[in-house]
PDB file of N, CA and C in Angstrom:
ATOM      1  N   MET A   1      47.697 -17.715  -1.985  1.00  0.00           N
ATOM      2  CA  MET A   1      46.958 -16.972  -2.973  1.00  0.00           C
ATOM      3  C   MET A   1      45.541 -17.522  -3.138  1.00  0.00           C
ATOM      4  N   HIS A   2      45.419 -18.845  -3.187  1.00  0.00           N
ATOM      5  CA  HIS A   2      44.116 -19.470  -3.348  1.00  0.00           C
ATOM      6  C   HIS A   2      43.213 -19.180  -2.154  1.00  0.00           C
ATOM      7  N   ARG A   3      43.800 -19.168  -0.962  1.00  0.00           N
ATOM      8  CA  ARG A   3      43.020 -18.871   0.244  1.00  0.00           C
ATOM      9  C   ARG A   3      42.498 -17.432   0.190  1.00  0.00           C
ATOM     10  N   TRP A   4      43.321 -16.539  -0.295  1.00  0.00           N
ATOM     11  CA  TRP A   4      42.928 -15.133  -0.370  1.00  0.00           C
ATOM     12  C   TRP A   4      41.757 -14.964  -1.353  1.00  0.00           C
ATOM     13  N   VAL A   5      41.835 -15.603  -2.504  1.00  0.00           N
ATOM     14  CA  VAL A   5      40.767 -15.532  -3.510  1.00  0.00           C
ATOM     15  C   VAL A   5      39.495 -16.178  -2.966  1.00  0.00           C
ATOM     16  N   ALA A   6      39.637 -17.333  -2.304  1.00  0.00           N
ATOM     17  CA  ALA A   6      38.481 -18.002  -1.726  1.00  0.00           C
ATOM     18  C   ALA A   6      37.840 -17.136  -0.650  1.00  0.00           C
ATOM     19  N   GLY A   7      38.657 -16.522   0.166  1.00  0.00           N
ATOM     20  CA  GLY A   7      38.136 -15.630   1.209  1.00  0.00           C
ATOM     21  C   GLY A   7      37.415 -14.433   0.610  1.00  0.00           C
ATOM     22  N   LEU A   8      37.959 -13.877  -0.441  1.00  0.00           N
ATOM     23  CA  LEU A   8      37.329 -12.754  -1.118  1.00  0.00           C
ATOM     24  C   LEU A   8      35.979 -13.145  -1.700  1.00  0.00           C
ATOM     25  N   LEU A   9      35.905 -14.300  -2.349  1.00  0.00           N
ATOM     26  CA  LEU A   9      34.642 -14.760  -2.920  1.00  0.00           C
ATOM     27  C   LEU A   9      33.589 -15.008  -1.841  1.00  0.00           C
ATOM     28  N   VAL A  10      33.992 -15.650  -0.756  1.00  0.00           N
ATOM     29  CA  VAL A  10      33.050 -15.913   0.338  1.00  0.00           C
ATOM     30  C   VAL A  10      32.530 -14.609   0.928  1.00  0.00           C
ATOM     31  N   SER A  11      33.413 -13.642   1.136  1.00  0.00           N
ATOM     32  CA  SER A  11      32.965 -12.369   1.710  1.00  0.00           C
ATOM     33  C   SER A  11      32.051 -11.622   0.745  1.00  0.00           C
ATOM     34  N   MET A  12      32.309 -11.712  -0.565  1.00  0.00           N
ATOM     35  CA  MET A  12      31.439 -11.059  -1.537  1.00  0.00           C
ATOM     36  C   MET A  12      30.062 -11.707  -1.551  1.00  0.00           C
ATOM     37  N   LEU A  13      30.018 -13.024  -1.456  1.00  0.00           N
ATOM     38  CA  LEU A  13      28.737 -13.717  -1.423  1.00  0.00           C
ATOM     39  C   LEU A  13      27.976 -13.408  -0.146  1.00  0.00           C
ATOM     40  N   TRP A  14      28.682 -13.214   0.934  1.00  0.00           N
ATOM     41  CA  TRP A  14      28.039 -12.899   2.207  1.00  0.00           C
ATOM     42  C   TRP A  14      27.433 -11.501   2.177  1.00  0.00           C
ATOM     43  N   VAL A  15      28.120 -10.560   1.532  1.00  0.00           N
ATOM     44  CA  VAL A  15      27.682  -9.165   1.502  1.00  0.00           C
ATOM     45  C   VAL A  15      26.659  -8.921   0.393  1.00  0.00           C
ATOM     46  N   SER A  16      26.620  -9.721  -0.654  1.00  0.00           N
ATOM     47  CA  SER A  16      25.749  -9.453  -1.806  1.00  0.00           C
ATOM     48  C   SER A  16      24.268  -9.337  -1.457  1.00  0.00           C
ATOM     49  N   PRO A  17      23.692 -10.144  -0.533  1.00  0.00           N
ATOM     50  CA  PRO A  17      22.278  -9.923  -0.212  1.00  0.00           C
ATOM     51  C   PRO A  17      22.034  -8.536   0.388  1.00  0.00           C
ATOM     52  N   ILE A  18      22.966  -8.041   1.155  1.00  0.00           N
ATOM     53  CA  ILE A  18      22.827  -6.703   1.733  1.00  0.00           C
ATOM     54  C   ILE A  18      22.876  -5.659   0.625  1.00  0.00           C
ATOM     55  N   MET A  19      23.791  -5.829  -0.314  1.00  0.00           N
ATOM     56  CA  MET A  19      23.925  -4.884  -1.414  1.00  0.00           C
ATOM     57  C   MET A  19      22.678  -4.903  -2.289  1.00  0.00           C
ATOM     58  N   ILE A  20      22.102  -6.074  -2.505  1.00  0.00           N
ATOM     59  CA  ILE A  20      20.900  -6.180  -3.320  1.00  0.00           C
ATOM     60  C   ILE A  20      19.746  -5.474  -2.627  1.00  0.00           C
ATOM     61  N   GLU A  21      19.580  -5.666  -1.321  1.00  0.00           N
ATOM     62  CA  GLU A  21      18.522  -4.991  -0.578  1.00  0.00           C
ATOM     63  C   GLU A  21      18.664  -3.486  -0.675  1.00  0.00           C
ATOM     64  N   VAL A  22      19.854  -2.989  -0.486  1.00  0.00           N
ATOM     65  CA  VAL A  22      20.090  -1.550  -0.551  1.00  0.00           C
ATOM     66  C   VAL A  22      19.812  -1.037  -1.950  1.00  0.00           C
ATOM     67  N   GLY A  23      20.227  -1.768  -2.961  1.00  0.00           N
ATOM     68  CA  GLY A  23      20.058  -1.332  -4.336  1.00  0.00           C
ATOM     69  C   GLY A  23      18.627  -1.318  -4.807  1.00  0.00           C
ATOM     70  N   THR A  24      17.742  -2.100  -4.199  1.00  0.00           N
ATOM     71  CA  THR A  24      16.358  -2.168  -4.660  1.00  0.00           C
ATOM     72  C   THR A  24      15.415  -1.309  -3.842  1.00  0.00           C
ATOM     73  N   ALA A  25      15.907  -0.618  -2.854  1.00  0.00           N
ATOM     74  CA  ALA A  25      15.021   0.209  -2.032  1.00  0.00           C
ATOM     75  C   ALA A  25      14.382   1.288  -2.888  1.00  0.00           C
ATOM     76  N   GLY A  26      13.065   1.437  -2.754  1.00  0.00           N
ATOM     77  CA  GLY A  26      12.351   2.489  -3.446  1.00  0.00           C
ATOM     78  C   GLY A  26      11.994   2.153  -4.884  1.00  0.00           C
ATOM     79  N   THR A  27      12.241   0.944  -5.344  1.00  0.00           N
ATOM     80  CA  THR A  27      11.926   0.598  -6.721  1.00  0.00           C
ATOM     81  C   THR A  27      10.643  -0.209  -6.828  1.00  0.00           C
ATOM     82  N   THR A  28       9.888  -0.310  -5.765  1.00  0.00           N
ATOM     83  CA  THR A  28       8.673  -1.108  -5.784  1.00  0.00           C
ATOM     84  C   THR A  28       7.456  -0.309  -6.209  1.00  0.00           C
ATOM     85  N   GLY A  29       7.610   0.971  -6.516  1.00  0.00           N
ATOM     86  CA  GLY A  29       6.485   1.792  -6.924  1.00  0.00           C
ATOM     87  C   GLY A  29       5.752   2.419  -5.756  1.00  0.00           C
ATOM     88  N   GLU A  30       6.231   2.175  -4.558  1.00  0.00           N
ATOM     89  CA  GLU A  30       5.589   2.776  -3.392  1.00  0.00           C
ATOM     90  C   GLU A  30       5.965   4.242  -3.301  1.00  0.00           C
ATOM     91  N   GLN A  31       5.033   5.027  -2.767  1.00  0.00           N
ATOM     92  CA  GLN A  31       5.361   6.439  -2.585  1.00  0.00           C
ATOM     93  C   GLN A  31       6.269   6.610  -1.386  1.00  0.00           C
ATOM     94  N   ALA A  32       6.920   7.726  -1.331  1.00  0.00           N
ATOM     95  CA  ALA A  32       7.840   8.003  -0.240  1.00  0.00           C
ATOM     96  C   ALA A  32       7.097   7.995   1.088  1.00  0.00           C
ATOM     97  N   PRO A  33       7.693   7.421   2.148  1.00  0.00           N
ATOM     98  CA  PRO A  33       7.014   7.354   3.439  1.00  0.00           C
ATOM     99  C   PRO A  33       6.570   8.716   3.952  1.00  0.00           C
ATOM    100  N   GLU A  34       7.370   9.775   3.733  1.00  0.00           N
ATOM    101  CA  GLU A  34       6.973  11.073   4.242  1.00  0.00           C
ATOM    102  C   GLU A  34       5.707  11.590   3.574  1.00  0.00           C
ATOM    103  N   GLN A  35       5.479  11.218   2.308  1.00  0.00           N
ATOM    104  CA  GLN A  35       4.259  11.641   1.637  1.00  0.00           C
ATOM    105  C   GLN A  35       3.056  10.939   2.252  1.00  0.00           C
ATOM    106  N   LYS A  36       3.210   9.678   2.618  1.00  0.00           N
ATOM    107  CA  LYS A  36       2.117   8.948   3.244  1.00  0.00           C
ATOM    108  C   LYS A  36       1.715   9.602   4.559  1.00  0.00           C
ATOM    109  N   GLN A  37       2.676  10.118   5.299  1.00  0.00           N
ATOM    110  CA  GLN A  37       2.396  10.687   6.598  1.00  0.00           C
ATOM    111  C   GLN A  37       1.818  12.093   6.504  1.00  0.00           C
ATOM    112  N   ILE A  38       2.205  12.848   5.485  1.00  0.00           N
ATOM    113  CA  ILE A  38       1.817  14.250   5.403  1.00  0.00           C
ATOM    114  C   ILE A  38       0.472  14.438   4.720  1.00  0.00           C
ATOM    115  N   ILE A  39       0.202  13.725   3.655  1.00  0.00           N
ATOM    116  CA  ILE A  39      -0.977  13.971   2.842  1.00  0.00           C
ATOM    117  C   ILE A  39      -2.008  12.869   3.054  1.00  0.00           C
ATOM    118  N   SER A  40      -3.184  13.264   3.526  1.00  0.00           N
ATOM    119  CA  SER A  40      -4.256  12.293   3.726  1.00  0.00           C
ATOM    120  C   SER A  40      -4.924  11.991   2.386  1.00  0.00           C
ATOM    121  N   LYS A  41      -5.758  10.984   2.391  1.00  0.00           N
ATOM    122  CA  LYS A  41      -6.470  10.597   1.175  1.00  0.00           C
ATOM    123  C   LYS A  41      -7.380  11.738   0.700  1.00  0.00           C
ATOM    124  N   ASP A  42      -8.053  12.398   1.626  1.00  0.00           N
ATOM    125  CA  ASP A  42      -8.921  13.523   1.262  1.00  0.00           C
ATOM    126  C   ASP A  42      -8.110  14.684   0.682  1.00  0.00           C
ATOM    127  N   ASP A  43      -6.960  14.946   1.263  1.00  0.00           N
ATOM    128  CA  ASP A  43      -6.085  15.998   0.736  1.00  0.00           C
ATOM    129  C   ASP A  43      -5.603  15.646  -0.668  1.00  0.00           C
ATOM    130  N   PHE A  44      -5.293  14.374  -0.882  1.00  0.00           N
ATOM    131  CA  PHE A  44      -4.817  13.972  -2.193  1.00  0.00           C
ATOM    132  C   PHE A  44      -5.922  14.060  -3.236  1.00  0.00           C
ATOM    133  N   LYS A  45      -7.181  13.888  -2.813  1.00  0.00           N
ATOM    134  CA  LYS A  45      -8.307  14.087  -3.739  1.00  0.00           C
ATOM    135  C   LYS A  45      -8.318  15.534  -4.227  1.00  0.00           C
ATOM    136  N   LEU A  46      -8.057  16.463  -3.334  1.00  0.00           N
ATOM    137  CA  LEU A  46      -7.989  17.875  -3.706  1.00  0.00           C
ATOM    138  C   LEU A  46      -6.864  18.114  -4.715  1.00  0.00           C
ATOM    139  N   ILE A  47      -5.739  17.483  -4.493  1.00  0.00           N
ATOM    140  CA  ILE A  47      -4.612  17.603  -5.426  1.00  0.00           C
ATOM    141  C   ILE A  47      -5.016  17.053  -6.787  1.00  0.00           C
ATOM    142  N   GLN A  48      -5.684  15.900  -6.807  1.00  0.00           N
ATOM    143  CA  GLN A  48      -6.133  15.319  -8.076  1.00  0.00           C
ATOM    144  C   GLN A  48      -7.126  16.243  -8.784  1.00  0.00           C
ATOM    145  N   GLU A  49      -8.016  16.877  -8.031  1.00  0.00           N
ATOM    146  CA  GLU A  49      -8.973  17.817  -8.628  1.00  0.00           C
ATOM    147  C   GLU A  49      -8.249  18.988  -9.281  1.00  0.00           C
ATOM    148  N   ARG A  50      -7.228  19.522  -8.609  1.00  0.00           N
ATOM    149  CA  ARG A  50      -6.465  20.641  -9.177  1.00  0.00           C
ATOM    150  C   ARG A  50      -5.690  20.215 -10.420  1.00  0.00           C
ATOM    151  N   LEU A  51      -5.115  19.006 -10.378  1.00  0.00           N
ATOM    152  CA  LEU A  51      -4.393  18.501 -11.546  1.00  0.00           C
ATOM    153  C   LEU A  51      -5.352  18.315 -12.717  1.00  0.00           C
ATOM    154  N   LYS A  52      -6.567  17.876 -12.422  1.00  0.00           N
ATOM    155  CA  LYS A  52      -7.586  17.708 -13.458  1.00  0.00           C
ATOM    156  C   LYS A  52      -7.945  19.069 -14.059  1.00  0.00           C
ATOM    157  N   ALA A  53      -8.108  20.075 -13.200  1.00  0.00           N
ATOM    158  CA  ALA A  53      -8.423  21.427 -13.665  1.00  0.00           C
ATOM    159  C   ALA A  53      -7.292  21.996 -14.525  1.00  0.00           C
ATOM    160  N   GLU A  54      -6.066  21.591 -14.255  1.00  0.00           N
ATOM    161  CA  GLU A  54      -4.905  22.034 -15.027  1.00  0.00           C
ATOM    162  C   GLU A  54      -4.763  21.276 -16.345  1.00  0.00           C
ATOM    163  N   GLY A  55      -5.586  20.231 -16.519  1.00  0.00           N
ATOM    164  CA  GLY A  55      -5.560  19.472 -17.762  1.00  0.00           C
ATOM    165  C   GLY A  55      -4.472  18.425 -17.867  1.00  0.00           C
ATOM    166  N   VAL A  56      -3.871  18.038 -16.750  1.00  0.00           N
ATOM    167  CA  VAL A  56      -2.807  17.036 -16.799  1.00  0.00           C
ATOM    168  C   VAL A  56      -3.221  15.689 -16.194  1.00  0.00           C
ATOM    169  N   TYR A  57      -4.434  15.622 -15.647  1.00  0.00           N
ATOM    170  CA  TYR A  57      -4.899  14.393 -15.005  1.00  0.00           C
ATOM    171  C   TYR A  57      -6.298  14.079 -15.510  1.00  0.00           C
ATOM    172  N   ALA A  58      -6.486  12.837 -15.976  1.00  0.00           N
ATOM    173  CA  ALA A  58      -7.790  12.434 -16.491  1.00  0.00           C
ATOM    174  C   ALA A  58      -8.351  11.239 -15.725  1.00  0.00           C
ATOM    175  N   GLY A  59      -7.699  10.858 -14.646  1.00  0.00           N
ATOM    176  CA  GLY A  59      -8.123   9.687 -13.885  1.00  0.00           C
ATOM    177  C   GLY A  59      -9.198  10.020 -12.858  1.00  0.00           C
ATOM    178  N   PRO A  60      -9.550   9.025 -12.074  1.00  0.00           N
ATOM    179  CA  PRO A  60     -10.568   9.231 -11.040  1.00  0.00           C
ATOM    180  C   PRO A  60     -10.025  10.058  -9.875  1.00  0.00           C
ATOM    181  N   VAL A  61     -10.903  10.836  -9.274  1.00  0.00           N
ATOM    182  CA  VAL A  61     -10.537  11.604  -8.082  1.00  0.00           C
ATOM    183  C   VAL A  61     -10.884  10.717  -6.887  1.00  0.00           C
ATOM    184  N   ASP A  62      -9.920   9.846  -6.536  1.00  0.00           N
ATOM    185  CA  ASP A  62     -10.159   8.849  -5.497  1.00  0.00           C
ATOM    186  C   ASP A  62      -9.169   8.935  -4.339  1.00  0.00           C
ATOM    187  N   GLY A  63      -8.201   9.852  -4.437  1.00  0.00           N
ATOM    188  CA  GLY A  63      -7.220   9.999  -3.364  1.00  0.00           C
ATOM    189  C   GLY A  63      -6.134   8.946  -3.369  1.00  0.00           C
ATOM    190  N   GLU A  64      -6.105   8.111  -4.399  1.00  0.00           N
ATOM    191  CA  GLU A  64      -5.099   7.050  -4.498  1.00  0.00           C
ATOM    192  C   GLU A  64      -3.895   7.540  -5.276  1.00  0.00           C
ATOM    193  N   VAL A  65      -2.721   7.186  -4.794  1.00  0.00           N
ATOM    194  CA  VAL A  65      -1.484   7.504  -5.507  1.00  0.00           C
ATOM    195  C   VAL A  65      -1.147   6.291  -6.366  1.00  0.00           C
ATOM    196  N   ASN A  66      -1.170   6.486  -7.674  1.00  0.00           N
ATOM    197  CA  ASN A  66      -0.838   5.405  -8.592  1.00  0.00           C
ATOM    198  C   ASN A  66      -0.020   5.976  -9.743  1.00  0.00           C
ATOM    199  N   ALA A  67       0.269   5.157 -10.725  1.00  0.00           N
ATOM    200  CA  ALA A  67       1.114   5.596 -11.848  1.00  0.00           C
ATOM    201  C   ALA A  67       0.492   6.777 -12.592  1.00  0.00           C
ATOM    202  N   GLN A  68      -0.829   6.803 -12.701  1.00  0.00           N
ATOM    203  CA  GLN A  68      -1.497   7.877 -13.427  1.00  0.00           C
ATOM    204  C   GLN A  68      -1.369   9.215 -12.693  1.00  0.00           C
ATOM    205  N   THR A  69      -1.529   9.194 -11.376  1.00  0.00           N
ATOM    206  CA  THR A  69      -1.391  10.443 -10.624  1.00  0.00           C
ATOM    207  C   THR A  69       0.062  10.897 -10.587  1.00  0.00           C
ATOM    208  N   GLU A  70       0.992   9.966 -10.490  1.00  0.00           N
ATOM    209  CA  GLU A  70       2.409  10.330 -10.507  1.00  0.00           C
ATOM    210  C   GLU A  70       2.796  10.940 -11.855  1.00  0.00           C
ATOM    211  N   ALA A  71       2.259  10.386 -12.945  1.00  0.00           N
ATOM    212  CA  ALA A  71       2.536  10.937 -14.277  1.00  0.00           C
ATOM    213  C   ALA A  71       1.953  12.344 -14.393  1.00  0.00           C
ATOM    214  N   ALA A  72       0.766  12.555 -13.838  1.00  0.00           N
ATOM    215  CA  ALA A  72       0.143  13.880 -13.870  1.00  0.00           C
ATOM    216  C   ALA A  72       0.962  14.871 -13.050  1.00  0.00           C
ATOM    217  N   LEU A  73       1.458  14.436 -11.907  1.00  0.00           N
ATOM    218  CA  LEU A  73       2.302  15.313 -11.092  1.00  0.00           C
ATOM    219  C   LEU A  73       3.568  15.683 -11.851  1.00  0.00           C
ATOM    220  N   ARG A  74       4.181  14.707 -12.513  1.00  0.00           N
ATOM    221  CA  ARG A  74       5.388  14.994 -13.302  1.00  0.00           C
ATOM    222  C   ARG A  74       5.087  15.991 -14.431  1.00  0.00           C
ATOM    223  N   ALA A  75       3.975  15.769 -15.123  1.00  0.00           N
ATOM    224  CA  ALA A  75       3.605  16.668 -16.222  1.00  0.00           C
ATOM    225  C   ALA A  75       3.364  18.082 -15.705  1.00  0.00           C
ATOM    226  N   TYR A  76       2.678  18.191 -14.581  1.00  0.00           N
ATOM    227  CA  TYR A  76       2.410  19.512 -14.000  1.00  0.00           C
ATOM    228  C   TYR A  76       3.710  20.180 -13.555  1.00  0.00           C
ATOM    229  N   GLN A  77       4.565  19.422 -12.903  1.00  0.00           N
ATOM    230  CA  GLN A  77       5.835  19.975 -12.436  1.00  0.00           C
ATOM    231  C   GLN A  77       6.672  20.471 -13.601  1.00  0.00           C
ATOM    232  N   GLN A  78       6.715  19.706 -14.662  1.00  0.00           N
ATOM    233  CA  GLN A  78       7.478  20.122 -15.839  1.00  0.00           C
ATOM    234  C   GLN A  78       6.859  21.375 -16.454  1.00  0.00           C
ATOM    235  N   LYS A  79       5.544  21.401 -16.550  1.00  0.00           N
ATOM    236  CA  LYS A  79       4.817  22.541 -17.120  1.00  0.00           C
ATOM    237  C   LYS A  79       5.082  23.817 -16.333  1.00  0.00           C
ATOM    238  N   GLN A  80       5.200  23.697 -15.008  1.00  0.00           N
ATOM    239  CA  GLN A  80       5.392  24.858 -14.148  1.00  0.00           C
ATOM    240  C   GLN A  80       6.865  25.206 -13.934  1.00  0.00           C
ATOM    241  N   GLY A  81       7.757  24.357 -14.404  1.00  0.00           N
ATOM    242  CA  GLY A  81       9.184  24.626 -14.243  1.00  0.00           C
ATOM    243  C   GLY A  81       9.707  24.409 -12.836  1.00  0.00           C
ATOM    244  N   ILE A  82       9.073  23.505 -12.110  1.00  0.00           N
ATOM    245  CA  ILE A  82       9.546  23.160 -10.765  1.00  0.00           C
ATOM    246  C   ILE A  82      10.207  21.782 -10.845  1.00  0.00           C
ATOM    247  N   PRO A  83      11.027  21.410  -9.869  1.00  0.00           N
ATOM    248  CA  PRO A  83      11.715  20.115  -9.928  1.00  0.00           C
ATOM    249  C   PRO A  83      10.730  18.960 -10.137  1.00  0.00           C
ATOM    250  N   VAL A  84      11.007  18.123 -11.112  1.00  0.00           N
ATOM    251  CA  VAL A  84      10.132  17.010 -11.471  1.00  0.00           C
ATOM    252  C   VAL A  84      10.465  15.804 -10.607  1.00  0.00           C
ATOM    253  N   SER A  85       9.513  15.432  -9.741  1.00  0.00           N
ATOM    254  CA  SER A  85       9.706  14.290  -8.859  1.00  0.00           C
ATOM    255  C   SER A  85       8.579  13.266  -8.966  1.00  0.00           C
ATOM    256  N   GLY A  86       7.422  13.687  -9.442  1.00  0.00           N
ATOM    257  CA  GLY A  86       6.275  12.790  -9.486  1.00  0.00           C
ATOM    258  C   GLY A  86       5.603  12.642  -8.142  1.00  0.00           C
ATOM    259  N   ALA A  87       6.046  13.420  -7.169  1.00  0.00           N
ATOM    260  CA  ALA A  87       5.468  13.378  -5.825  1.00  0.00           C
ATOM    261  C   ALA A  87       4.773  14.705  -5.530  1.00  0.00           C
ATOM    262  N   ALA A  88       3.818  14.650  -4.653  1.00  0.00           N
ATOM    263  CA  ALA A  88       3.125  15.865  -4.225  1.00  0.00           C
ATOM    264  C   ALA A  88       3.961  16.525  -3.137  1.00  0.00           C
ATOM    265  N   ASP A  89       5.092  17.067  -3.546  1.00  0.00           N
ATOM    266  CA  ASP A  89       6.000  17.688  -2.594  1.00  0.00           C
ATOM    267  C   ASP A  89       5.552  19.120  -2.292  1.00  0.00           C
ATOM    268  N   GLU A  90       6.270  19.761  -1.407  1.00  0.00           N
ATOM    269  CA  GLU A  90       5.892  21.091  -0.933  1.00  0.00           C
ATOM    270  C   GLU A  90       5.820  22.113  -2.070  1.00  0.00           C
ATOM    271  N   ALA A  91       6.799  22.083  -2.975  1.00  0.00           N
ATOM    272  CA  ALA A  91       6.814  23.045  -4.087  1.00  0.00           C
ATOM    273  C   ALA A  91       5.604  22.853  -4.997  1.00  0.00           C
ATOM    274  N   THR A  92       5.237  21.614  -5.248  1.00  0.00           N
ATOM    275  CA  THR A  92       4.096  21.319  -6.122  1.00  0.00           C
ATOM    276  C   THR A  92       2.794  21.746  -5.464  1.00  0.00           C
ATOM    277  N   ILE A  93       2.650  21.449  -4.197  1.00  0.00           N
ATOM    278  CA  ILE A  93       1.438  21.839  -3.468  1.00  0.00           C
ATOM    279  C   ILE A  93       1.307  23.357  -3.451  1.00  0.00           C
ATOM    280  N   ARG A  94       2.415  24.033  -3.232  1.00  0.00           N
ATOM    281  CA  ARG A  94       2.411  25.500  -3.225  1.00  0.00           C
ATOM    282  C   ARG A  94       2.000  26.034  -4.599  1.00  0.00           C
ATOM    283  N   GLU A  95       2.557  25.442  -5.658  1.00  0.00           N
ATOM    284  CA  GLU A  95       2.258  25.879  -7.028  1.00  0.00           C
ATOM    285  C   GLU A  95       0.798  25.623  -7.382  1.00  0.00           C
ATOM    286  N   LEU A  96       0.230  24.525  -6.856  1.00  0.00           N
ATOM    287  CA  LEU A  96      -1.187  24.220  -7.071  1.00  0.00           C
ATOM    288  C   LEU A  96      -2.104  25.116  -6.235  1.00  0.00           C
ATOM    289  N   GLN A  97      -1.503  25.936  -5.386  1.00  0.00           N
ATOM    290  CA  GLN A  97      -2.217  26.853  -4.485  1.00  0.00           C
ATOM    291  C   GLN A  97      -3.149  26.096  -3.548  1.00  0.00           C
ATOM    292  N   ILE A  98      -2.605  25.042  -2.969  1.00  0.00           N
ATOM    293  CA  ILE A  98      -3.335  24.234  -1.997  1.00  0.00           C
ATOM    294  C   ILE A  98      -2.685  24.431  -0.642  1.00  0.00           C
ATOM    295  N   ARG A  99      -3.501  24.628   0.357  1.00  0.00           N
ATOM    296  CA  ARG A  99      -2.998  24.745   1.727  1.00  0.00           C
ATOM    297  C   ARG A  99      -3.476  23.537   2.511  1.00  0.00           C
ATOM    298  N   LEU A 100      -2.523  22.666   2.813  1.00  0.00           N
ATOM    299  CA  LEU A 100      -2.820  21.473   3.601  1.00  0.00           C
ATOM    300  C   LEU A 100      -2.410  21.726   5.045  1.00  0.00           C
ATOM    301  N   PRO A 101      -3.046  21.047   5.988  1.00  0.00           N
ATOM    302  CA  PRO A 101      -2.667  21.236   7.397  1.00  0.00           C
ATOM    303  C   PRO A 101      -1.173  21.035   7.634  1.00  0.00           C
ATOM    304  N   ALA A 102      -0.560  20.043   7.014  1.00  0.00           N
ATOM    305  CA  ALA A 102       0.862  19.773   7.225  1.00  0.00           C
ATOM    306  C   ALA A 102       1.723  20.895   6.664  1.00  0.00           C
ATOM    307  N   SER A 103       1.293  21.563   5.591  1.00  0.00           N
ATOM    308  CA  SER A 103       2.105  22.619   5.008  1.00  0.00           C
ATOM    309  C   SER A 103       1.905  23.945   5.726  1.00  0.00           C
ATOM    310  N   ARG A 104       0.986  23.985   6.666  1.00  0.00           N
ATOM    311  CA  ARG A 104       0.759  25.206   7.438  1.00  0.00           C
ATOM    312  C   ARG A 104       1.532  25.222   8.741  1.00  0.00           C
ATOM    313  N   GLN A 105       2.163  24.126   9.091  1.00  0.00           N
ATOM    314  CA  GLN A 105       2.909  24.075  10.344  1.00  0.00           C
ATOM    315  C   GLN A 105       4.017  25.105  10.327  1.00  0.00           C
ATOM    316  N   GLY A 106       4.157  25.812  11.404  1.00  0.00           N
ATOM    317  CA  GLY A 106       5.232  26.791  11.528  1.00  0.00           C
ATOM    318  C   GLY A 106       4.867  28.157  10.993  1.00  0.00           C
ATOM    319  N   GLU A 107       3.724  28.283  10.317  1.00  0.00           N
ATOM    320  CA  GLU A 107       3.340  29.602   9.820  1.00  0.00           C
ATOM    321  C   GLU A 107       2.843  30.464  10.972  1.00  0.00           C
ATOM    322  N   GLY A 108       2.974  31.712  10.831  1.00  0.00           N
ATOM    323  CA  GLY A 108       2.527  32.628  11.863  1.00  0.00           C
ATOM    324  C   GLY A 108       3.602  32.908  12.897  1.00  0.00           C
ATOM    325  N   ALA A 109       4.721  32.249  12.776  1.00  0.00           N
ATOM    326  CA  ALA A 109       5.813  32.496  13.702  1.00  0.00           C
ATOM    327  C   ALA A 109       6.514  33.772  13.297  1.00  0.00           C
ATOM    328  N   PRO A 110       6.996  34.563  14.258  1.00  0.00           N
ATOM    329  CA  PRO A 110       7.650  35.807  13.919  1.00  0.00           C
ATOM    330  C   PRO A 110       8.943  35.632  13.185  1.00  0.00           C
TER     331      PRO A 110
END
């Protein structure tokens, strides 16, 4: 019985660093990797300008994704009744009436 308990404790300690890594993924405040690849800094400046025009963003139009821009995206998404993610996702970009090169892929196909 003691060997079984000791074995269980050792295996839990061995697996716990893996569980901690998995549990903390995405909690560092970084934006989603797909957003980094799809939206350039210049494109994000356009998004910030539209959010400013909508009255939900009062920060600088610098193309940087930070807590202030994420809060503005959430406020806009809630205001428009679209899923609230805090990210400049496809639905939000469409609602802002912005056409980015990445969101135009596949258009024109029959």
